[in-house]
């Protein structure tokens, strides 16, 4: 039986994957943030010349859908590794950011 997916478990798997390949020296905040930017750009590239309507239907095409899922996975993997290296809890960071945004941008009454 596999464990349910959670952020900590995925971070642990990524850390173990990198350790098994002795990649830790390369997993600096600078390198990981650069890799994150590159992968986000690769995700953007899929949508670059699509109309808004075409972009809303990318998951209807199996090949494009697979590319989108792979790039999303790459972005998330580098973000989780970045957070692990700097000791950031990504869920707590997002929760705090939503709180700040709710104060900065109150909903109209």
PDB file of N, CA and C in Angstrom:
ATOM      1  N   UNK A   1       0.840  -1.178   0.000  1.00  0.00           N
ATOM      2  CA  UNK A   1       0.000   0.000   0.000  1.00  0.00           C
ATOM      3  C   UNK A   1       0.889   1.246   0.000  1.00  0.00           C
ATOM      4  N   UNK A   2       0.559   2.214  -0.850  1.00  0.00           N
ATOM      5  CA  UNK A   2       1.334   3.449  -0.887  1.00  0.00           C
ATOM      6  C   UNK A   2       0.767   4.456   0.095  1.00  0.00           C
ATOM      7  N   UNK A   3       1.657   5.311   0.578  1.00  0.00           N
ATOM      8  CA  UNK A   3       1.238   6.365   1.501  1.00  0.00           C
ATOM      9  C   UNK A   3       0.449   7.421   0.747  1.00  0.00           C
ATOM     10  N   UNK A   4      -0.479   8.104   1.430  1.00  0.00           N
ATOM     11  CA  UNK A   4      -1.159   9.221   0.775  1.00  0.00           C
ATOM     12  C   UNK A   4      -0.145  10.318   0.448  1.00  0.00           C
ATOM     13  N   UNK A   5      -0.389  11.042  -0.626  1.00  0.00           N
ATOM     14  CA  UNK A   5       0.509  12.116  -1.021  1.00  0.00           C
ATOM     15  C   UNK A   5       0.364  13.305  -0.087  1.00  0.00           C
ATOM     16  N   UNK A   6       1.495  13.841   0.331  1.00  0.00           N
ATOM     17  CA  UNK A   6       1.498  15.097   1.079  1.00  0.00           C
ATOM     18  C   UNK A   6       2.812  15.813   0.769  1.00  0.00           C
ATOM     19  N   UNK A   7       2.865  17.095   1.097  1.00  0.00           N
ATOM     20  CA  UNK A   7       4.030  17.910   0.774  1.00  0.00           C
ATOM     21  C   UNK A   7       5.289  17.359   1.432  1.00  0.00           C
ATOM     22  N   UNK A   8       5.218  17.040   2.706  1.00  0.00           N
ATOM     23  CA  UNK A   8       6.403  16.549   3.422  1.00  0.00           C
ATOM     24  C   UNK A   8       6.918  15.244   2.801  1.00  0.00           C
ATOM     25  N   UNK A   9       6.012  14.353   2.446  1.00  0.00           N
ATOM     26  CA  UNK A   9       6.426  13.092   1.833  1.00  0.00           C
ATOM     27  C   UNK A   9       7.077  13.301   0.480  1.00  0.00           C
ATOM     28  N   UNK A  10       6.535  14.216  -0.310  1.00  0.00           N
ATOM     29  CA  UNK A  10       7.132  14.514  -1.617  1.00  0.00           C
ATOM     30  C   UNK A  10       8.503  15.164  -1.447  1.00  0.00           C
ATOM     31  N   UNK A  11       8.619  16.073  -0.481  1.00  0.00           N
ATOM     32  CA  UNK A  11       9.925  16.683  -0.222  1.00  0.00           C
ATOM     33  C   UNK A  11      10.941  15.626   0.206  1.00  0.00           C
ATOM     34  N   UNK A  12      10.517  14.712   1.029  1.00  0.00           N
ATOM     35  CA  UNK A  12      11.402  13.631   1.473  1.00  0.00           C
ATOM     36  C   UNK A  12      11.861  12.789   0.276  1.00  0.00           C
ATOM     37  N   UNK A  13      10.933  12.438  -0.599  1.00  0.00           N
ATOM     38  CA  UNK A  13      11.294  11.646  -1.790  1.00  0.00           C
ATOM     39  C   UNK A  13      12.274  12.404  -2.679  1.00  0.00           C
ATOM     40  N   UNK A  14      12.037  13.700  -2.866  1.00  0.00           N
ATOM     41  CA  UNK A  14      12.942  14.500  -3.687  1.00  0.00           C
ATOM     42  C   UNK A  14      14.325  14.589  -3.056  1.00  0.00           C
ATOM     43  N   UNK A  15      14.381  14.745  -1.745  1.00  0.00           N
ATOM     44  CA  UNK A  15      15.658  14.808  -1.036  1.00  0.00           C
ATOM     45  C   UNK A  15      16.406  13.488  -1.172  1.00  0.00           C
ATOM     46  N   UNK A  16      15.700  12.389  -1.003  1.00  0.00           N
ATOM     47  CA  UNK A  16      16.314  11.066  -1.136  1.00  0.00           C
ATOM     48  C   UNK A  16      16.791  10.826  -2.566  1.00  0.00           C
ATOM     49  N   UNK A  17      16.009  11.242  -3.539  1.00  0.00           N
ATOM     50  CA  UNK A  17      16.377  11.096  -4.951  1.00  0.00           C
ATOM     51  C   UNK A  17      17.684  11.844  -5.229  1.00  0.00           C
ATOM     52  N   UNK A  18      17.762  13.093  -4.766  1.00  0.00           N
ATOM     53  CA  UNK A  18      18.964  13.889  -4.997  1.00  0.00           C
ATOM     54  C   UNK A  18      20.163  13.313  -4.243  1.00  0.00           C
ATOM     55  N   UNK A  19      19.936  12.874  -3.009  1.00  0.00           N
ATOM     56  CA  UNK A  19      21.031  12.319  -2.203  1.00  0.00           C
ATOM     57  C   UNK A  19      21.601  11.059  -2.844  1.00  0.00           C
ATOM     58  N   UNK A  20      20.742  10.224  -3.396  1.00  0.00           N
ATOM     59  CA  UNK A  20      21.201   8.983  -4.022  1.00  0.00           C
ATOM     60  C   UNK A  20      22.089   9.261  -5.239  1.00  0.00           C
ATOM     61  N   UNK A  21      21.986  10.453  -5.785  1.00  0.00           N
ATOM     62  CA  UNK A  21      22.774  10.822  -6.956  1.00  0.00           C
ATOM     63  C   UNK A  21      23.868  11.843  -6.618  1.00  0.00           C
ATOM     64  N   UNK A  22      24.015  12.142  -5.318  1.00  0.00           N
ATOM     65  CA  UNK A  22      25.003  13.103  -4.824  1.00  0.00           C
ATOM     66  C   UNK A  22      24.830  14.476  -5.470  1.00  0.00           C
ATOM     67  N   UNK A  23      23.600  14.909  -5.616  1.00  0.00           N
ATOM     68  CA  UNK A  23      23.297  16.201  -6.241  1.00  0.00           C
ATOM     69  C   UNK A  23      23.205  17.348  -5.239  1.00  0.00           C
ATOM     70  N   UNK A  24      23.300  17.070  -3.936  1.00  0.00           N
ATOM     71  CA  UNK A  24      23.121  18.120  -2.931  1.00  0.00           C
ATOM     72  C   UNK A  24      24.009  19.349  -3.165  1.00  0.00           C
ATOM     73  N   UNK A  25      25.280  19.192  -3.581  1.00  0.00           N
ATOM     74  CA  UNK A  25      26.102  20.398  -3.781  1.00  0.00           C
ATOM     75  C   UNK A  25      25.518  21.368  -4.817  1.00  0.00           C
ATOM     76  N   UNK A  26      24.715  20.841  -5.719  1.00  0.00           N
ATOM     77  CA  UNK A  26      24.127  21.675  -6.777  1.00  0.00           C
ATOM     78  C   UNK A  26      22.776  22.263  -6.381  1.00  0.00           C
ATOM     79  N   UNK A  27      22.206  21.767  -5.300  1.00  0.00           N
ATOM     80  CA  UNK A  27      20.878  22.213  -4.873  1.00  0.00           C
ATOM     81  C   UNK A  27      20.991  23.381  -3.899  1.00  0.00           C
ATOM     82  N   UNK A  28      21.542  24.472  -4.415  1.00  0.00           N
ATOM     83  CA  UNK A  28      21.646  25.715  -3.663  1.00  0.00           C
ATOM     84  C   UNK A  28      20.399  26.554  -3.949  1.00  0.00           C
ATOM     85  N   UNK A  29      20.081  27.506  -3.083  1.00  0.00           N
ATOM     86  CA  UNK A  29      18.928  28.368  -3.378  1.00  0.00           C
ATOM     87  C   UNK A  29      19.038  29.040  -4.749  1.00  0.00           C
ATOM     88  N   UNK A  30      20.230  29.499  -5.113  1.00  0.00           N
ATOM     89  CA  UNK A  30      20.425  30.136  -6.422  1.00  0.00           C
ATOM     90  C   UNK A  30      20.114  29.169  -7.555  1.00  0.00           C
ATOM     91  N   UNK A  31      20.688  27.981  -7.506  1.00  0.00           N
ATOM     92  CA  UNK A  31      20.472  27.017  -8.585  1.00  0.00           C
ATOM     93  C   UNK A  31      19.025  26.545  -8.648  1.00  0.00           C
ATOM     94  N   UNK A  32      18.435  26.302  -7.490  1.00  0.00           N
ATOM     95  CA  UNK A  32      17.051  25.825  -7.479  1.00  0.00           C
ATOM     96  C   UNK A  32      16.080  26.908  -7.946  1.00  0.00           C
ATOM     97  N   UNK A  33      16.311  28.157  -7.562  1.00  0.00           N
ATOM     98  CA  UNK A  33      15.425  29.224  -8.029  1.00  0.00           C
ATOM     99  C   UNK A  33      15.596  29.440  -9.527  1.00  0.00           C
ATOM    100  N   UNK A  34      16.805  29.286 -10.033  1.00  0.00           N
ATOM    101  CA  UNK A  34      17.028  29.383 -11.478  1.00  0.00           C
ATOM    102  C   UNK A  34      16.309  28.259 -12.213  1.00  0.00           C
ATOM    103  N   UNK A  35      16.437  27.046 -11.709  1.00  0.00           N
ATOM    104  CA  UNK A  35      15.774  25.900 -12.332  1.00  0.00           C
ATOM    105  C   UNK A  35      14.260  26.063 -12.288  1.00  0.00           C
ATOM    106  N   UNK A  36      13.747  26.589 -11.185  1.00  0.00           N
ATOM    107  CA  UNK A  36      12.314  26.844 -11.054  1.00  0.00           C
ATOM    108  C   UNK A  36      11.848  27.813 -12.129  1.00  0.00           C
ATOM    109  N   UNK A  37      12.613  28.869 -12.351  1.00  0.00           N
ATOM    110  CA  UNK A  37      12.273  29.851 -13.376  1.00  0.00           C
ATOM    111  C   UNK A  37      12.281  29.225 -14.774  1.00  0.00           C
ATOM    112  N   UNK A  38      13.270  28.411 -15.047  1.00  0.00           N
ATOM    113  CA  UNK A  38      13.357  27.738 -16.351  1.00  0.00           C
ATOM    114  C   UNK A  38      12.149  26.830 -16.562  1.00  0.00           C
ATOM    115  N   UNK A  39      11.802  26.055 -15.555  1.00  0.00           N
ATOM    116  CA  UNK A  39      10.664  25.136 -15.699  1.00  0.00           C
ATOM    117  C   UNK A  39       9.347  25.900 -15.835  1.00  0.00           C
ATOM    118  N   UNK A  40       9.196  27.013 -15.107  1.00  0.00           N
ATOM    119  CA  UNK A  40       7.987  27.835 -15.260  1.00  0.00           C
ATOM    120  C   UNK A  40       7.924  28.397 -16.678  1.00  0.00           C
ATOM    121  N   UNK A  41       9.069  28.758 -17.242  1.00  0.00           N
ATOM    122  CA  UNK A  41       9.107  29.241 -18.622  1.00  0.00           C
ATOM    123  C   UNK A  41       8.734  28.139 -19.608  1.00  0.00           C
ATOM    124  N   UNK A  42       9.141  26.915 -19.325  1.00  0.00           N
ATOM    125  CA  UNK A  42       8.767  25.798 -20.193  1.00  0.00           C
ATOM    126  C   UNK A  42       7.264  25.557 -20.146  1.00  0.00           C
ATOM    127  N   UNK A  43       6.652  25.763 -18.989  1.00  0.00           N
ATOM    128  CA  UNK A  43       5.196  25.674 -18.888  1.00  0.00           C
ATOM    129  C   UNK A  43       4.558  26.795 -19.705  1.00  0.00           C
ATOM    130  N   UNK A  44       5.072  27.990 -19.567  1.00  0.00           N
ATOM    131  CA  UNK A  44       4.557  29.136 -20.317  1.00  0.00           C
ATOM    132  C   UNK A  44       4.673  28.923 -21.823  1.00  0.00           C
ATOM    133  N   UNK A  45       5.759  28.298 -22.248  1.00  0.00           N
ATOM    134  CA  UNK A  45       5.993  28.069 -23.673  1.00  0.00           C
ATOM    135  C   UNK A  45       4.856  27.283 -24.328  1.00  0.00           C
ATOM    136  N   UNK A  46       4.276  26.363 -23.594  1.00  0.00           N
ATOM    137  CA  UNK A  46       3.164  25.561 -24.135  1.00  0.00           C
ATOM    138  C   UNK A  46       1.995  26.469 -24.520  1.00  0.00           C
ATOM    139  N   UNK A  47       1.783  27.537 -23.769  1.00  0.00           N
ATOM    140  CA  UNK A  47       0.633  28.420 -23.954  1.00  0.00           C
ATOM    141  C   UNK A  47       0.951  29.668 -24.774  1.00  0.00           C
ATOM    142  N   UNK A  48       2.211  29.866 -25.111  1.00  0.00           N
ATOM    143  CA  UNK A  48       2.697  31.121 -25.661  1.00  0.00           C
ATOM    144  C   UNK A  48       1.851  31.680 -26.807  1.00  0.00           C
ATOM    145  N   UNK A  49       1.525  30.905 -27.792  1.00  0.00           N
ATOM    146  CA  UNK A  49       0.833  31.419 -28.974  1.00  0.00           C
ATOM    147  C   UNK A  49      -0.621  30.977 -29.049  1.00  0.00           C
ATOM    148  N   UNK A  50      -1.138  30.414 -27.974  1.00  0.00           N
ATOM    149  CA  UNK A  50      -2.530  29.980 -27.972  1.00  0.00           C
ATOM    150  C   UNK A  50      -3.459  31.151 -27.670  1.00  0.00           C
ATOM    151  N   UNK A  51      -4.653  31.083 -28.234  1.00  0.00           N
ATOM    152  CA  UNK A  51      -5.677  32.051 -27.856  1.00  0.00           C
ATOM    153  C   UNK A  51      -6.173  31.685 -26.457  1.00  0.00           C
ATOM    154  N   UNK A  52      -6.866  32.599 -25.786  1.00  0.00           N
ATOM    155  CA  UNK A  52      -7.431  32.235 -24.485  1.00  0.00           C
ATOM    156  C   UNK A  52      -8.332  30.998 -24.570  1.00  0.00           C
ATOM    157  N   UNK A  53      -9.080  30.892 -25.638  1.00  0.00           N
ATOM    158  CA  UNK A  53      -9.977  29.736 -25.799  1.00  0.00           C
ATOM    159  C   UNK A  53      -9.180  28.444 -25.992  1.00  0.00           C
ATOM    160  N   UNK A  54      -8.134  28.499 -26.813  1.00  0.00           N
ATOM    161  CA  UNK A  54      -7.296  27.314 -27.023  1.00  0.00           C
ATOM    162  C   UNK A  54      -6.599  26.914 -25.721  1.00  0.00           C
ATOM    163  N   UNK A  55      -6.144  27.902 -24.962  1.00  0.00           N
ATOM    164  CA  UNK A  55      -5.435  27.585 -23.720  1.00  0.00           C
ATOM    165  C   UNK A  55      -6.353  26.904 -22.710  1.00  0.00           C
ATOM    166  N   UNK A  56      -7.635  27.221 -22.753  1.00  0.00           N
ATOM    167  CA  UNK A  56      -8.593  26.595 -21.832  1.00  0.00           C
ATOM    168  C   UNK A  56      -8.853  25.134 -22.192  1.00  0.00           C
ATOM    169  N   UNK A  57      -8.453  24.739 -23.409  1.00  0.00           N
ATOM    170  CA  UNK A  57      -8.720  23.365 -23.858  1.00  0.00           C
ATOM    171  C   UNK A  57      -7.460  22.498 -23.968  1.00  0.00           C
ATOM    172  N   UNK A  58      -6.349  22.930 -23.384  1.00  0.00           N
ATOM    173  CA  UNK A  58      -5.102  22.164 -23.547  1.00  0.00           C
ATOM    174  C   UNK A  58      -5.197  20.750 -22.990  1.00  0.00           C
ATOM    175  N   UNK A  59      -6.012  20.550 -21.983  1.00  0.00           N
ATOM    176  CA  UNK A  59      -6.094  19.225 -21.385  1.00  0.00           C
ATOM    177  C   UNK A  59      -6.935  18.268 -22.221  1.00  0.00           C
ATOM    178  N   UNK A  60      -7.549  18.769 -23.287  1.00  0.00           N
ATOM    179  CA  UNK A  60      -8.329  17.913 -24.187  1.00  0.00           C
ATOM    180  C   UNK A  60      -7.441  17.123 -25.140  1.00  0.00           C
ATOM    181  N   UNK A  61      -6.216  17.568 -25.337  1.00  0.00           N
ATOM    182  CA  UNK A  61      -5.265  16.895 -26.224  1.00  0.00           C
ATOM    183  C   UNK A  61      -4.297  16.090 -25.368  1.00  0.00           C
ATOM    184  N   UNK A  62      -4.271  14.776 -25.562  1.00  0.00           N
ATOM    185  CA  UNK A  62      -3.450  13.909 -24.703  1.00  0.00           C
ATOM    186  C   UNK A  62      -1.975  14.313 -24.684  1.00  0.00           C
ATOM    187  N   UNK A  63      -1.411  14.616 -25.844  1.00  0.00           N
ATOM    188  CA  UNK A  63       0.002  14.977 -25.902  1.00  0.00           C
ATOM    189  C   UNK A  63       0.296  16.269 -25.173  1.00  0.00           C
ATOM    190  N   UNK A  64      -0.527  17.275 -25.415  1.00  0.00           N
ATOM    191  CA  UNK A  64      -0.327  18.560 -24.746  1.00  0.00           C
ATOM    192  C   UNK A  64      -0.600  18.432 -23.256  1.00  0.00           C
ATOM    193  N   UNK A  65      -1.624  17.679 -22.898  1.00  0.00           N
ATOM    194  CA  UNK A  65      -1.949  17.481 -21.486  1.00  0.00           C
ATOM    195  C   UNK A  65      -0.777  16.836 -20.759  1.00  0.00           C
ATOM    196  N   UNK A  66      -0.133  15.866 -21.385  1.00  0.00           N
ATOM    197  CA  UNK A  66       1.022  15.207 -20.764  1.00  0.00           C
ATOM    198  C   UNK A  66       2.166  16.201 -20.572  1.00  0.00           C
ATOM    199  N   UNK A  67       2.402  17.065 -21.557  1.00  0.00           N
ATOM    200  CA  UNK A  67       3.451  18.091 -21.438  1.00  0.00           C
ATOM    201  C   UNK A  67       3.134  19.050 -20.296  1.00  0.00           C
ATOM    202  N   UNK A  68       1.879  19.478 -20.193  1.00  0.00           N
ATOM    203  CA  UNK A  68       1.481  20.398 -19.122  1.00  0.00           C
ATOM    204  C   UNK A  68       1.704  19.740 -17.763  1.00  0.00           C
ATOM    205  N   UNK A  69       1.251  18.493 -17.614  1.00  0.00           N
ATOM    206  CA  UNK A  69       1.437  17.794 -16.332  1.00  0.00           C
ATOM    207  C   UNK A  69       2.913  17.661 -15.986  1.00  0.00           C
ATOM    208  N   UNK A  70       3.750  17.331 -16.975  1.00  0.00           N
ATOM    209  CA  UNK A  70       5.189  17.196 -16.719  1.00  0.00           C
ATOM    210  C   UNK A  70       5.807  18.515 -16.274  1.00  0.00           C
ATOM    211  N   UNK A  71       5.431  19.606 -16.924  1.00  0.00           N
ATOM    212  CA  UNK A  71       5.999  20.903 -16.548  1.00  0.00           C
ATOM    213  C   UNK A  71       5.492  21.351 -15.175  1.00  0.00           C
ATOM    214  N   UNK A  72       4.230  21.095 -14.877  1.00  0.00           N
ATOM    215  CA  UNK A  72       3.699  21.396 -13.543  1.00  0.00           C
ATOM    216  C   UNK A  72       4.484  20.610 -12.500  1.00  0.00           C
ATOM    217  N   UNK A  73       4.746  19.342 -12.788  1.00  0.00           N
ATOM    218  CA  UNK A  73       5.516  18.512 -11.853  1.00  0.00           C
ATOM    219  C   UNK A  73       6.924  19.068 -11.670  1.00  0.00           C
ATOM    220  N   UNK A  74       7.563  19.500 -12.756  1.00  0.00           N
ATOM    221  CA  UNK A  74       8.912  20.063 -12.648  1.00  0.00           C
ATOM    222  C   UNK A  74       8.919  21.339 -11.812  1.00  0.00           C
ATOM    223  N   UNK A  75       7.942  22.222 -12.059  1.00  0.00           N
ATOM    224  CA  UNK A  75       7.849  23.464 -11.287  1.00  0.00           C
ATOM    225  C   UNK A  75       7.663  23.149  -9.806  1.00  0.00           C
ATOM    226  N   UNK A  76       6.741  22.254  -9.507  1.00  0.00           N
ATOM    227  CA  UNK A  76       6.475  21.914  -8.108  1.00  0.00           C
ATOM    228  C   UNK A  76       7.682  21.237  -7.469  1.00  0.00           C
ATOM    229  N   UNK A  77       8.349  20.363  -8.194  1.00  0.00           N
ATOM    230  CA  UNK A  77       9.523  19.675  -7.650  1.00  0.00           C
ATOM    231  C   UNK A  77      10.602  20.676  -7.259  1.00  0.00           C
ATOM    232  N   UNK A  78      10.915  21.611  -8.150  1.00  0.00           N
ATOM    233  CA  UNK A  78      11.948  22.596  -7.815  1.00  0.00           C
ATOM    234  C   UNK A  78      11.502  23.528  -6.702  1.00  0.00           C
ATOM    235  N   UNK A  79      10.227  23.891  -6.672  1.00  0.00           N
ATOM    236  CA  UNK A  79       9.739  24.741  -5.581  1.00  0.00           C
ATOM    237  C   UNK A  79       9.852  24.020  -4.239  1.00  0.00           C
ATOM    238  N   UNK A  80       9.469  22.746  -4.200  1.00  0.00           N
ATOM    239  CA  UNK A  80       9.554  21.986  -2.950  1.00  0.00           C
ATOM    240  C   UNK A  80      11.007  21.803  -2.509  1.00  0.00           C
ATOM    241  N   UNK A  81      11.906  21.567  -3.459  1.00  0.00           N
ATOM    242  CA  UNK A  81      13.318  21.433  -3.112  1.00  0.00           C
ATOM    243  C   UNK A  81      13.883  22.757  -2.606  1.00  0.00           C
ATOM    244  N   UNK A  82      13.491  23.852  -3.233  1.00  0.00           N
ATOM    245  CA  UNK A  82      13.910  25.186  -2.799  1.00  0.00           C
ATOM    246  C   UNK A  82      13.458  25.431  -1.358  1.00  0.00           C
ATOM    247  N   UNK A  83      12.192  25.129  -1.077  1.00  0.00           N
ATOM    248  CA  UNK A  83      11.656  25.312   0.276  1.00  0.00           C
ATOM    249  C   UNK A  83      12.382  24.431   1.284  1.00  0.00           C
ATOM    250  N   UNK A  84      12.688  23.213   0.901  1.00  0.00           N
ATOM    251  CA  UNK A  84      13.395  22.289   1.793  1.00  0.00           C
ATOM    252  C   UNK A  84      14.772  22.835   2.158  1.00  0.00           C
ATOM    253  N   UNK A  85      15.504  23.334   1.168  1.00  0.00           N
ATOM    254  CA  UNK A  85      16.856  23.848   1.387  1.00  0.00           C
ATOM    255  C   UNK A  85      16.838  25.064   2.308  1.00  0.00           C
ATOM    256  N   UNK A  86      15.815  25.922   2.176  1.00  0.00           N
ATOM    257  CA  UNK A  86      15.757  27.141   2.989  1.00  0.00           C
ATOM    258  C   UNK A  86      14.911  26.995   4.249  1.00  0.00           C
ATOM    259  N   UNK A  87      14.329  25.823   4.470  1.00  0.00           N
ATOM    260  CA  UNK A  87      13.526  25.615   5.671  1.00  0.00           C
ATOM    261  C   UNK A  87      12.203  26.363   5.651  1.00  0.00           C
ATOM    262  N   UNK A  88      11.627  26.515   4.477  1.00  0.00           N
ATOM    263  CA  UNK A  88      10.339  27.195   4.334  1.00  0.00           C
ATOM    264  C   UNK A  88       9.231  26.151   4.290  1.00  0.00           C
ATOM    265  N   UNK A  89       8.203  26.345   5.084  1.00  0.00           N
ATOM    266  CA  UNK A  89       7.009  25.502   4.997  1.00  0.00           C
ATOM    267  C   UNK A  89       6.136  26.116   3.908  1.00  0.00           C
ATOM    268  N   UNK A  90       6.041  25.488   2.733  1.00  0.00           N
ATOM    269  CA  UNK A  90       5.316  26.123   1.628  1.00  0.00           C
ATOM    270  C   UNK A  90       3.831  26.328   1.917  1.00  0.00           C
ATOM    271  N   UNK A  91       3.216  25.420   2.662  1.00  0.00           N
ATOM    272  CA  UNK A  91       1.795  25.580   2.978  1.00  0.00           C
ATOM    273  C   UNK A  91       1.580  26.738   3.937  1.00  0.00           C
ATOM    274  N   UNK A  92       2.451  26.870   4.941  1.00  0.00           N
ATOM    275  CA  UNK A  92       2.349  27.990   5.877  1.00  0.00           C
ATOM    276  C   UNK A  92       2.631  29.314   5.166  1.00  0.00           C
ATOM    277  N   UNK A  93       3.594  29.314   4.244  1.00  0.00           N
ATOM    278  CA  UNK A  93       3.906  30.528   3.496  1.00  0.00           C
ATOM    279  C   UNK A  93       2.711  30.962   2.649  1.00  0.00           C
ATOM    280  N   UNK A  94       2.064  30.015   1.994  1.00  0.00           N
ATOM    281  CA  UNK A  94       0.895  30.329   1.180  1.00  0.00           C
ATOM    282  C   UNK A  94      -0.264  30.802   2.052  1.00  0.00           C
ATOM    283  N   UNK A  95      -0.476  30.149   3.176  1.00  0.00           N
ATOM    284  CA  UNK A  95      -1.547  30.543   4.084  1.00  0.00           C
ATOM    285  C   UNK A  95      -1.347  31.984   4.557  1.00  0.00           C
ATOM    286  N   UNK A  96      -0.123  32.323   4.933  1.00  0.00           N
ATOM    287  CA  UNK A  96       0.182  33.680   5.393  1.00  0.00           C
ATOM    288  C   UNK A  96       0.002  34.695   4.265  1.00  0.00           C
ATOM    289  N   UNK A  97       0.381  34.313   3.053  1.00  0.00           N
ATOM    290  CA  UNK A  97       0.236  35.217   1.901  1.00  0.00           C
ATOM    291  C   UNK A  97      -1.233  35.471   1.589  1.00  0.00           C
ATOM    292  N   UNK A  98      -2.058  34.443   1.668  1.00  0.00           N
ATOM    293  CA  UNK A  98      -3.504  34.624   1.454  1.00  0.00           C
ATOM    294  C   UNK A  98      -4.068  35.560   2.505  1.00  0.00           C
ATOM    295  N   UNK A  99      -3.649  35.387   3.768  1.00  0.00           N
ATOM    296  CA  UNK A  99      -4.095  36.288   4.837  1.00  0.00           C
ATOM    297  C   UNK A  99      -3.743  37.736   4.504  1.00  0.00           C
ATOM    298  N   UNK A 100      -2.482  37.977   4.075  1.00  0.00           N
ATOM    299  CA  UNK A 100      -2.061  39.339   3.720  1.00  0.00           C
ATOM    300  C   UNK A 100      -2.876  39.878   2.547  1.00  0.00           C
ATOM    301  N   UNK A 101      -3.109  39.037   1.540  1.00  0.00           N
ATOM    302  CA  UNK A 101      -3.871  39.485   0.371  1.00  0.00           C
ATOM    303  C   UNK A 101      -5.323  39.792   0.720  1.00  0.00           C
ATOM    304  N   UNK A 102      -5.891  39.025   1.644  1.00  0.00           N
ATOM    305  CA  UNK A 102      -7.270  39.307   2.071  1.00  0.00           C
ATOM    306  C   UNK A 102      -7.353  40.673   2.750  1.00  0.00           C
ATOM    307  N   UNK A 103      -6.304  41.052   3.481  1.00  0.00           N
ATOM    308  CA  UNK A 103      -6.283  42.382   4.107  1.00  0.00           C
ATOM    309  C   UNK A 103      -6.006  43.476   3.070  1.00  0.00           C
ATOM    310  N   UNK A 104      -5.113  43.203   2.141  1.00  0.00           N
ATOM    311  CA  UNK A 104      -4.748  44.196   1.116  1.00  0.00           C
ATOM    312  C   UNK A 104      -5.864  44.418   0.103  1.00  0.00           C
ATOM    313  N   UNK A 105      -6.578  43.364  -0.223  1.00  0.00           N
ATOM    314  CA  UNK A 105      -7.594  43.430  -1.262  1.00  0.00           C
ATOM    315  C   UNK A 105      -8.932  42.917  -0.718  1.00  0.00           C
ATOM    316  N   UNK A 106      -9.565  43.691   0.157  1.00  0.00           N
ATOM    317  CA  UNK A 106     -10.836  43.208   0.732  1.00  0.00           C
ATOM    318  C   UNK A 106     -11.905  43.031  -0.353  1.00  0.00           C
ATOM    319  N   UNK A 107     -12.717  42.028  -0.157  1.00  0.00           N
ATOM    320  CA  UNK A 107     -13.815  41.765  -1.094  1.00  0.00           C
ATOM    321  C   UNK A 107     -14.832  42.886  -0.996  1.00  0.00           C
ATOM    322  N   UNK A 108     -15.400  43.275  -2.130  1.00  0.00           N
ATOM    323  CA  UNK A 108     -16.457  44.321  -2.066  1.00  0.00           C
ATOM    324  C   UNK A 108     -17.638  43.837  -1.254  1.00  0.00           C
ATOM    325  N   UNK A 109     -18.245  44.774  -0.550  1.00  0.00           N
ATOM    326  CA  UNK A 109     -19.392  44.406   0.289  1.00  0.00           C
ATOM    327  C   UNK A 109     -20.681  44.555  -0.466  1.00  0.00           C
TER     328      UNK A 109
END
